[in-house]
Amino acid sequence: MRDFRSIIDVLKEYLAQKGRDKVRDKDIAEALGISQSNFATIKKRNSIPFENILDFCRREKLPCCEIFFD
């Protein structure tokens, strides 16, 4: 299973494929429905907001195994 930083990279790649030029942490936070400050705290602690990521996968019809596993 990937750590949160690796998951962020996967989410950035996914959002970049959806047409965003440069994907920043604030874009990831917005996509996950997390405030920027909360996202920064989560990133610093390297904890994974599973519920937010699963909700994102459901909305985007993206298999969650692509996010969480290599």
PDB file of N, CA and C in Angstrom:
ATOM      1  N   MET A   1       0.839  -1.175   0.000  1.00  0.00           N
ATOM      2  CA  MET A   1       0.000   0.000   0.000  1.00  0.00           C
ATOM      3  C   MET A   1       0.886   1.241   0.000  1.00  0.00           C
ATOM      4  N   ARG A   2       0.460   2.236  -0.744  1.00  0.00           N
ATOM      5  CA  ARG A   2       1.232   3.471  -0.855  1.00  0.00           C
ATOM      6  C   ARG A   2       1.057   4.337   0.382  1.00  0.00           C
ATOM      7  N   ASP A   3       2.064   5.189   0.614  1.00  0.00           N
ATOM      8  CA  ASP A   3       1.925   6.187   1.670  1.00  0.00           C
ATOM      9  C   ASP A   3       1.213   7.410   1.080  1.00  0.00           C
ATOM     10  N   PHE A   4       0.879   8.372   1.931  1.00  0.00           N
ATOM     11  CA  PHE A   4       0.065   9.499   1.484  1.00  0.00           C
ATOM     12  C   PHE A   4       0.766  10.323   0.409  1.00  0.00           C
ATOM     13  N   ARG A   5       2.049  10.497   0.503  1.00  0.00           N
ATOM     14  CA  ARG A   5       2.768  11.281  -0.515  1.00  0.00           C
ATOM     15  C   ARG A   5       2.689  10.607  -1.887  1.00  0.00           C
ATOM     16  N   SER A   6       2.778   9.305  -1.919  1.00  0.00           N
ATOM     17  CA  SER A   6       2.643   8.575  -3.180  1.00  0.00           C
ATOM     18  C   SER A   6       1.222   8.681  -3.716  1.00  0.00           C
ATOM     19  N   ILE A   7       0.250   8.632  -2.824  1.00  0.00           N
ATOM     20  CA  ILE A   7      -1.153   8.783  -3.221  1.00  0.00           C
ATOM     21  C   ILE A   7      -1.377  10.172  -3.809  1.00  0.00           C
ATOM     22  N   ILE A   8      -0.765  11.180  -3.217  1.00  0.00           N
ATOM     23  CA  ILE A   8      -0.861  12.544  -3.741  1.00  0.00           C
ATOM     24  C   ILE A   8      -0.334  12.587  -5.174  1.00  0.00           C
ATOM     25  N   ASP A   9       0.796  11.940  -5.411  1.00  0.00           N
ATOM     26  CA  ASP A   9       1.378  11.915  -6.761  1.00  0.00           C
ATOM     27  C   ASP A   9       0.423  11.270  -7.767  1.00  0.00           C
ATOM     28  N   VAL A  10      -0.213  10.181  -7.368  1.00  0.00           N
ATOM     29  CA  VAL A  10      -1.167   9.512  -8.254  1.00  0.00           C
ATOM     30  C   VAL A  10      -2.358  10.418  -8.536  1.00  0.00           C
ATOM     31  N   LEU A  11      -2.865  11.074  -7.505  1.00  0.00           N
ATOM     32  CA  LEU A  11      -3.989  11.989  -7.694  1.00  0.00           C
ATOM     33  C   LEU A  11      -3.604  13.167  -8.585  1.00  0.00           C
ATOM     34  N   LYS A  12      -2.383  13.668  -8.435  1.00  0.00           N
ATOM     35  CA  LYS A  12      -1.910  14.760  -9.298  1.00  0.00           C
ATOM     36  C   LYS A  12      -1.855  14.312 -10.750  1.00  0.00           C
ATOM     37  N   GLU A  13      -1.355  13.109 -10.989  1.00  0.00           N
ATOM     38  CA  GLU A  13      -1.309  12.576 -12.354  1.00  0.00           C
ATOM     39  C   GLU A  13      -2.711  12.436 -12.931  1.00  0.00           C
ATOM     40  N   TYR A  14      -3.629  11.933 -12.120  1.00  0.00           N
ATOM     41  CA  TYR A  14      -5.013  11.759 -12.581  1.00  0.00           C
ATOM     42  C   TYR A  14      -5.636  13.107 -12.944  1.00  0.00           C
ATOM     43  N   LEU A  15      -5.486  14.099 -12.067  1.00  0.00           N
ATOM     44  CA  LEU A  15      -6.062  15.412 -12.350  1.00  0.00           C
ATOM     45  C   LEU A  15      -5.383  16.082 -13.544  1.00  0.00           C
ATOM     46  N   ALA A  16      -4.098  15.844 -13.727  1.00  0.00           N
ATOM     47  CA  ALA A  16      -3.395  16.400 -14.885  1.00  0.00           C
ATOM     48  C   ALA A  16      -3.940  15.801 -16.182  1.00  0.00           C
ATOM     49  N   GLN A  17      -4.284  14.531 -16.156  1.00  0.00           N
ATOM     50  CA  GLN A  17      -4.865  13.886 -17.340  1.00  0.00           C
ATOM     51  C   GLN A  17      -6.255  14.422 -17.651  1.00  0.00           C
ATOM     52  N   LYS A  18      -6.922  14.953 -16.632  1.00  0.00           N
ATOM     53  CA  LYS A  18      -8.259  15.507 -16.811  1.00  0.00           C
ATOM     54  C   LYS A  18      -8.209  16.935 -17.368  1.00  0.00           C
ATOM     55  N   GLY A  19      -7.009  17.439 -17.677  1.00  0.00           N
ATOM     56  CA  GLY A  19      -6.903  18.726 -18.344  1.00  0.00           C
ATOM     57  C   GLY A  19      -6.316  19.860 -17.543  1.00  0.00           C
ATOM     58  N   ARG A  20      -5.901  19.620 -16.326  1.00  0.00           N
ATOM     59  CA  ARG A  20      -5.274  20.707 -15.558  1.00  0.00           C
ATOM     60  C   ARG A  20      -3.794  20.777 -15.921  1.00  0.00           C
ATOM     61  N   ASP A  21      -3.313  21.994 -16.126  1.00  0.00           N
ATOM     62  CA  ASP A  21      -1.915  22.167 -16.532  1.00  0.00           C
ATOM     63  C   ASP A  21      -0.959  21.796 -15.414  1.00  0.00           C
ATOM     64  N   LYS A  22      -1.060  22.501 -14.314  1.00  0.00           N
ATOM     65  CA  LYS A  22      -0.183  22.234 -13.182  1.00  0.00           C
ATOM     66  C   LYS A  22      -1.062  21.988 -11.970  1.00  0.00           C
ATOM     67  N   VAL A  23      -0.944  20.806 -11.404  1.00  0.00           N
ATOM     68  CA  VAL A  23      -1.773  20.424 -10.269  1.00  0.00           C
ATOM     69  C   VAL A  23      -0.988  20.680  -8.991  1.00  0.00           C
ATOM     70  N   ARG A  24      -1.564  21.467  -8.107  1.00  0.00           N
ATOM     71  CA  ARG A  24      -0.920  21.818  -6.838  1.00  0.00           C
ATOM     72  C   ARG A  24      -1.651  21.128  -5.694  1.00  0.00           C
ATOM     73  N   ASP A  25      -1.061  21.221  -4.513  1.00  0.00           N
ATOM     74  CA  ASP A  25      -1.672  20.610  -3.339  1.00  0.00           C
ATOM     75  C   ASP A  25      -3.069  21.162  -3.082  1.00  0.00           C
ATOM     76  N   LYS A  26      -3.268  22.453  -3.348  1.00  0.00           N
ATOM     77  CA  LYS A  26      -4.591  23.040  -3.123  1.00  0.00           C
ATOM     78  C   LYS A  26      -5.626  22.418  -4.046  1.00  0.00           C
ATOM     79  N   ASP A  27      -5.219  22.004  -5.246  1.00  0.00           N
ATOM     80  CA  ASP A  27      -6.133  21.332  -6.168  1.00  0.00           C
ATOM     81  C   ASP A  27      -6.515  19.946  -5.652  1.00  0.00           C
ATOM     82  N   ILE A  28      -5.550  19.252  -5.071  1.00  0.00           N
ATOM     83  CA  ILE A  28      -5.811  17.940  -4.485  1.00  0.00           C
ATOM     84  C   ILE A  28      -6.760  18.102  -3.300  1.00  0.00           C
ATOM     85  N   ALA A  29      -6.482  19.079  -2.445  1.00  0.00           N
ATOM     86  CA  ALA A  29      -7.342  19.321  -1.284  1.00  0.00           C
ATOM     87  C   ALA A  29      -8.771  19.608  -1.730  1.00  0.00           C
ATOM     88  N   GLU A  30      -8.927  20.439  -2.738  1.00  0.00           N
ATOM     89  CA  GLU A  30     -10.258  20.771  -3.249  1.00  0.00           C
ATOM     90  C   GLU A  30     -10.949  19.531  -3.813  1.00  0.00           C
ATOM     91  N   ALA A  31     -10.214  18.717  -4.557  1.00  0.00           N
ATOM     92  CA  ALA A  31     -10.793  17.501  -5.143  1.00  0.00           C
ATOM     93  C   ALA A  31     -11.248  16.531  -4.069  1.00  0.00           C
ATOM     94  N   LEU A  32     -10.530  16.502  -2.953  1.00  0.00           N
ATOM     95  CA  LEU A  32     -10.870  15.591  -1.870  1.00  0.00           C
ATOM     96  C   LEU A  32     -11.885  16.191  -0.893  1.00  0.00           C
ATOM     97  N   GLY A  33     -12.193  17.460  -1.063  1.00  0.00           N
ATOM     98  CA  GLY A  33     -13.146  18.114  -0.169  1.00  0.00           C
ATOM     99  C   GLY A  33     -12.550  18.412   1.197  1.00  0.00           C
ATOM    100  N   ILE A  34     -11.261  18.736   1.214  1.00  0.00           N
ATOM    101  CA  ILE A  34     -10.540  19.032   2.451  1.00  0.00           C
ATOM    102  C   ILE A  34     -10.033  20.468   2.362  1.00  0.00           C
ATOM    103  N   SER A  35     -10.053  21.187   3.476  1.00  0.00           N
ATOM    104  CA  SER A  35      -9.495  22.540   3.467  1.00  0.00           C
ATOM    105  C   SER A  35      -7.982  22.458   3.257  1.00  0.00           C
ATOM    106  N   GLN A  36      -7.407  23.529   2.746  1.00  0.00           N
ATOM    107  CA  GLN A  36      -5.968  23.546   2.491  1.00  0.00           C
ATOM    108  C   GLN A  36      -5.165  23.362   3.767  1.00  0.00           C
ATOM    109  N   SER A  37      -5.619  23.973   4.855  1.00  0.00           N
ATOM    110  CA  SER A  37      -4.880  23.845   6.116  1.00  0.00           C
ATOM    111  C   SER A  37      -4.973  22.425   6.664  1.00  0.00           C
ATOM    112  N   ASN A  38      -6.142  21.814   6.568  1.00  0.00           N
ATOM    113  CA  ASN A  38      -6.296  20.436   7.009  1.00  0.00           C
ATOM    114  C   ASN A  38      -5.454  19.499   6.143  1.00  0.00           C
ATOM    115  N   PHE A  39      -5.437  19.758   4.846  1.00  0.00           N
ATOM    116  CA  PHE A  39      -4.625  18.955   3.929  1.00  0.00           C
ATOM    117  C   PHE A  39      -3.148  19.053   4.290  1.00  0.00           C
ATOM    118  N   ALA A  40      -2.685  20.254   4.611  1.00  0.00           N
ATOM    119  CA  ALA A  40      -1.281  20.441   4.997  1.00  0.00           C
ATOM    120  C   ALA A  40      -0.950  19.656   6.259  1.00  0.00           C
ATOM    121  N   THR A  41      -1.865  19.643   7.208  1.00  0.00           N
ATOM    122  CA  THR A  41      -1.664  18.883   8.440  1.00  0.00           C
ATOM    123  C   THR A  41      -1.612  17.385   8.151  1.00  0.00           C
ATOM    124  N   ILE A  42      -2.542  16.915   7.324  1.00  0.00           N
ATOM    125  CA  ILE A  42      -2.563  15.495   6.957  1.00  0.00           C
ATOM    126  C   ILE A  42      -1.269  15.116   6.250  1.00  0.00           C
ATOM    127  N   LYS A  43      -0.829  15.973   5.350  1.00  0.00           N
ATOM    128  CA  LYS A  43       0.399  15.700   4.602  1.00  0.00           C
ATOM    129  C   LYS A  43       1.611  15.665   5.531  1.00  0.00           C
ATOM    130  N   LYS A  44       1.653  16.591   6.462  1.00  0.00           N
ATOM    131  CA  LYS A  44       2.772  16.644   7.410  1.00  0.00           C
ATOM    132  C   LYS A  44       2.821  15.376   8.270  1.00  0.00           C
ATOM    133  N   ARG A  45       1.655  14.890   8.669  1.00  0.00           N
ATOM    134  CA  ARG A  45       1.585  13.682   9.501  1.00  0.00           C
ATOM    135  C   ARG A  45       1.682  12.397   8.685  1.00  0.00           C
ATOM    136  N   ASN A  46       1.611  12.530   7.369  1.00  0.00           N
ATOM    137  CA  ASN A  46       1.645  11.389   6.458  1.00  0.00           C
ATOM    138  C   ASN A  46       0.516  10.403   6.777  1.00  0.00           C
ATOM    139  N   SER A  47      -0.651  10.953   7.127  1.00  0.00           N
ATOM    140  CA  SER A  47      -1.817  10.115   7.374  1.00  0.00           C
ATOM    141  C   SER A  47      -2.698  10.150   6.121  1.00  0.00           C
ATOM    142  N   ILE A  48      -3.512   9.141   5.953  1.00  0.00           N
ATOM    143  CA  ILE A  48      -4.306   9.006   4.734  1.00  0.00           C
ATOM    144  C   ILE A  48      -5.775   9.259   5.051  1.00  0.00           C
ATOM    145  N   PRO A  49      -6.396  10.227   4.367  1.00  0.00           N
ATOM    146  CA  PRO A  49      -7.835  10.480   4.568  1.00  0.00           C
ATOM    147  C   PRO A  49      -8.661   9.516   3.708  1.00  0.00           C
ATOM    148  N   PHE A  50      -8.777   8.282   4.174  1.00  0.00           N
ATOM    149  CA  PHE A  50      -9.415   7.227   3.391  1.00  0.00           C
ATOM    150  C   PHE A  50     -10.812   7.601   2.906  1.00  0.00           C
ATOM    151  N   GLU A  51     -11.637   8.117   3.793  1.00  0.00           N
ATOM    152  CA  GLU A  51     -13.016   8.424   3.427  1.00  0.00           C
ATOM    153  C   GLU A  51     -13.075   9.446   2.301  1.00  0.00           C
ATOM    154  N   ASN A  52     -12.243  10.477   2.375  1.00  0.00           N
ATOM    155  CA  ASN A  52     -12.233  11.510   1.338  1.00  0.00           C
ATOM    156  C   ASN A  52     -11.757  10.940  -0.002  1.00  0.00           C
ATOM    157  N   ILE A  53     -10.758  10.090   0.050  1.00  0.00           N
ATOM    158  CA  ILE A  53     -10.240   9.503  -1.188  1.00  0.00           C
ATOM    159  C   ILE A  53     -11.262   8.548  -1.788  1.00  0.00           C
ATOM    160  N   LEU A  54     -11.916   7.752  -0.953  1.00  0.00           N
ATOM    161  CA  LEU A  54     -12.938   6.834  -1.464  1.00  0.00           C
ATOM    162  C   LEU A  54     -14.120   7.595  -2.067  1.00  0.00           C
ATOM    163  N   ASP A  55     -14.508   8.704  -1.445  1.00  0.00           N
ATOM    164  CA  ASP A  55     -15.572   9.547  -2.014  1.00  0.00           C
ATOM    165  C   ASP A  55     -15.147  10.114  -3.362  1.00  0.00           C
ATOM    166  N   PHE A  56     -13.897  10.548  -3.462  1.00  0.00           N
ATOM    167  CA  PHE A  56     -13.370  11.063  -4.725  1.00  0.00           C
ATOM    168  C   PHE A  56     -13.409   9.982  -5.801  1.00  0.00           C
ATOM    169  N   CYS A  57     -12.970   8.778  -5.457  1.00  0.00           N
ATOM    170  CA  CYS A  57     -12.976   7.666  -6.413  1.00  0.00           C
ATOM    171  C   CYS A  57     -14.398   7.357  -6.885  1.00  0.00           C
ATOM    172  N   ARG A  58     -15.338   7.389  -5.970  1.00  0.00           N
ATOM    173  CA  ARG A  58     -16.737   7.128  -6.327  1.00  0.00           C
ATOM    174  C   ARG A  58     -17.254   8.197  -7.286  1.00  0.00           C
ATOM    175  N   ARG A  59     -16.987   9.461  -6.972  1.00  0.00           N
ATOM    176  CA  ARG A  59     -17.443  10.564  -7.830  1.00  0.00           C
ATOM    177  C   ARG A  59     -16.844  10.483  -9.226  1.00  0.00           C
ATOM    178  N   GLU A  60     -15.566  10.128  -9.287  1.00  0.00           N
ATOM    179  CA  GLU A  60     -14.842  10.100 -10.558  1.00  0.00           C
ATOM    180  C   GLU A  60     -14.939   8.750 -11.269  1.00  0.00           C
ATOM    181  N   LYS A  61     -15.603   7.785 -10.634  1.00  0.00           N
ATOM    182  CA  LYS A  61     -15.710   6.424 -11.173  1.00  0.00           C
ATOM    183  C   LYS A  61     -14.317   5.852 -11.449  1.00  0.00           C
ATOM    184  N   LEU A  62     -13.462   6.038 -10.472  1.00  0.00           N
ATOM    185  CA  LEU A  62     -12.075   5.602 -10.536  1.00  0.00           C
ATOM    186  C   LEU A  62     -11.878   4.441  -9.569  1.00  0.00           C
ATOM    187  N   PRO A  63     -11.322   3.322 -10.024  1.00  0.00           N
ATOM    188  CA  PRO A  63     -11.092   2.205  -9.096  1.00  0.00           C
ATOM    189  C   PRO A  63     -10.105   2.614  -8.000  1.00  0.00           C
ATOM    190  N   CYS A  64     -10.498   2.442  -6.757  1.00  0.00           N
ATOM    191  CA  CYS A  64      -9.646   2.887  -5.642  1.00  0.00           C
ATOM    192  C   CYS A  64      -8.345   2.097  -5.556  1.00  0.00           C
ATOM    193  N   CYS A  65      -8.308   0.894  -6.118  1.00  0.00           N
ATOM    194  CA  CYS A  65      -7.057   0.132  -6.078  1.00  0.00           C
ATOM    195  C   CYS A  65      -5.957   0.845  -6.872  1.00  0.00           C
ATOM    196  N   GLU A  66      -6.335   1.647  -7.860  1.00  0.00           N
ATOM    197  CA  GLU A  66      -5.339   2.399  -8.621  1.00  0.00           C
ATOM    198  C   GLU A  66      -4.720   3.502  -7.776  1.00  0.00           C
ATOM    199  N   ILE A  67      -5.439   3.967  -6.783  1.00  0.00           N
ATOM    200  CA  ILE A  67      -4.937   5.026  -5.903  1.00  0.00           C
ATOM    201  C   ILE A  67      -4.091   4.453  -4.779  1.00  0.00           C
ATOM    202  N   PHE A  68      -4.575   3.404  -4.155  1.00  0.00           N
ATOM    203  CA  PHE A  68      -3.942   2.884  -2.945  1.00  0.00           C
ATOM    204  C   PHE A  68      -2.814   1.889  -3.177  1.00  0.00           C
ATOM    205  N   PHE A  69      -2.808   1.206  -4.317  1.00  0.00           N
ATOM    206  CA  PHE A  69      -1.824   0.144  -4.532  1.00  0.00           C
ATOM    207  C   PHE A  69      -1.024   0.359  -5.794  1.00  0.00           C
ATOM    208  N   ASP A  70       0.193  -0.177  -5.816  1.00  0.00           N
ATOM    209  CA  ASP A  70       1.077  -0.081  -6.985  1.00  0.00           C
ATOM    210  C   ASP A  70       0.551  -0.891  -8.141  1.00  0.00           C
TER     211      ASP A  70
END
